[in-house]
């Protein structure tokens, strides 16, 4: 998402000094934050999110 004024980044604690912090939030349909990913590995992050959302049985 575009947040050129850093308004949303500040609300979520993702505003950095020069650039926003790289973070991912899982938010449910009621707007509740279910999970926050603070440390990301760009090579495995998407797979990690999918595994958390849709655990293998």
Protein backbone atom coordinates (compact mmCIF):
# COMPACT_ATOMS: atom_id res chain seq x y z
CA UNK A 1 0.00 0.00 0.00
CA UNK A 2 1.09 3.55 -0.51
CA UNK A 3 1.55 5.59 2.66
CA UNK A 4 3.60 8.59 1.55
CA UNK A 5 2.71 10.61 4.68
CA UNK A 6 3.62 7.63 6.93
CA UNK A 7 0.29 7.93 8.77
CA UNK A 8 -0.53 4.21 8.74
CA UNK A 9 3.09 3.21 9.40
CA UNK A 10 3.08 5.34 12.55
CA UNK A 11 -0.19 3.82 13.76
CA UNK A 12 1.17 0.29 13.33
CA UNK A 13 4.64 0.99 14.73
CA UNK A 14 6.25 0.46 11.35
CA UNK A 15 7.67 3.94 10.75
CA UNK A 16 11.45 3.95 10.49
CA UNK A 17 13.94 6.79 10.40
CA UNK A 18 14.23 7.08 6.62
CA UNK A 19 12.17 4.12 5.38
CA UNK A 20 9.34 2.14 6.92
CA UNK A 21 10.20 -1.07 8.73
CA UNK A 22 9.49 -4.24 6.79
CA UNK A 23 6.58 -5.81 8.65
CA UNK A 24 3.54 -7.92 7.81
CA UNK A 25 0.26 -7.93 9.72
CA UNK A 26 -2.42 -10.62 9.54
CA UNK A 27 -5.73 -8.86 10.25
CA UNK A 28 -9.01 -10.74 10.64
CA UNK A 29 -12.34 -9.72 9.10
CA UNK A 30 -13.21 -7.73 12.25
CA UNK A 31 -10.03 -5.67 12.08
CA UNK A 32 -8.23 -7.51 14.91
CA UNK A 33 -4.51 -8.06 14.42
CA UNK A 34 -4.00 -11.82 14.61
CA UNK A 35 -0.26 -11.98 13.97
CA UNK A 36 2.66 -9.63 13.39
CA UNK A 37 5.80 -10.64 11.50
CA UNK A 38 8.66 -8.36 12.60
CA UNK A 39 11.59 -10.27 11.15
CA UNK A 40 11.28 -11.28 7.54
CA UNK A 41 13.27 -13.45 5.20
CA UNK A 42 12.26 -12.31 1.72
CA UNK A 43 13.03 -15.78 0.35
CA UNK A 44 10.63 -17.65 2.66
CA UNK A 45 8.18 -15.05 3.97
CA UNK A 46 5.28 -15.71 1.58
CA UNK A 47 5.48 -19.45 2.24
CA UNK A 48 5.57 -18.83 6.00
CA UNK A 49 2.41 -16.71 5.84
CA UNK A 50 0.58 -19.31 3.75
CA UNK A 51 1.63 -22.07 6.16
CA UNK A 52 0.34 -20.03 9.11
CA UNK A 53 -2.96 -19.20 7.39
CA UNK A 54 -3.52 -22.68 5.93
CA UNK A 55 -1.70 -25.23 8.12
CA UNK A 56 -1.11 -28.61 6.51
CA UNK A 57 -3.04 -31.42 8.14
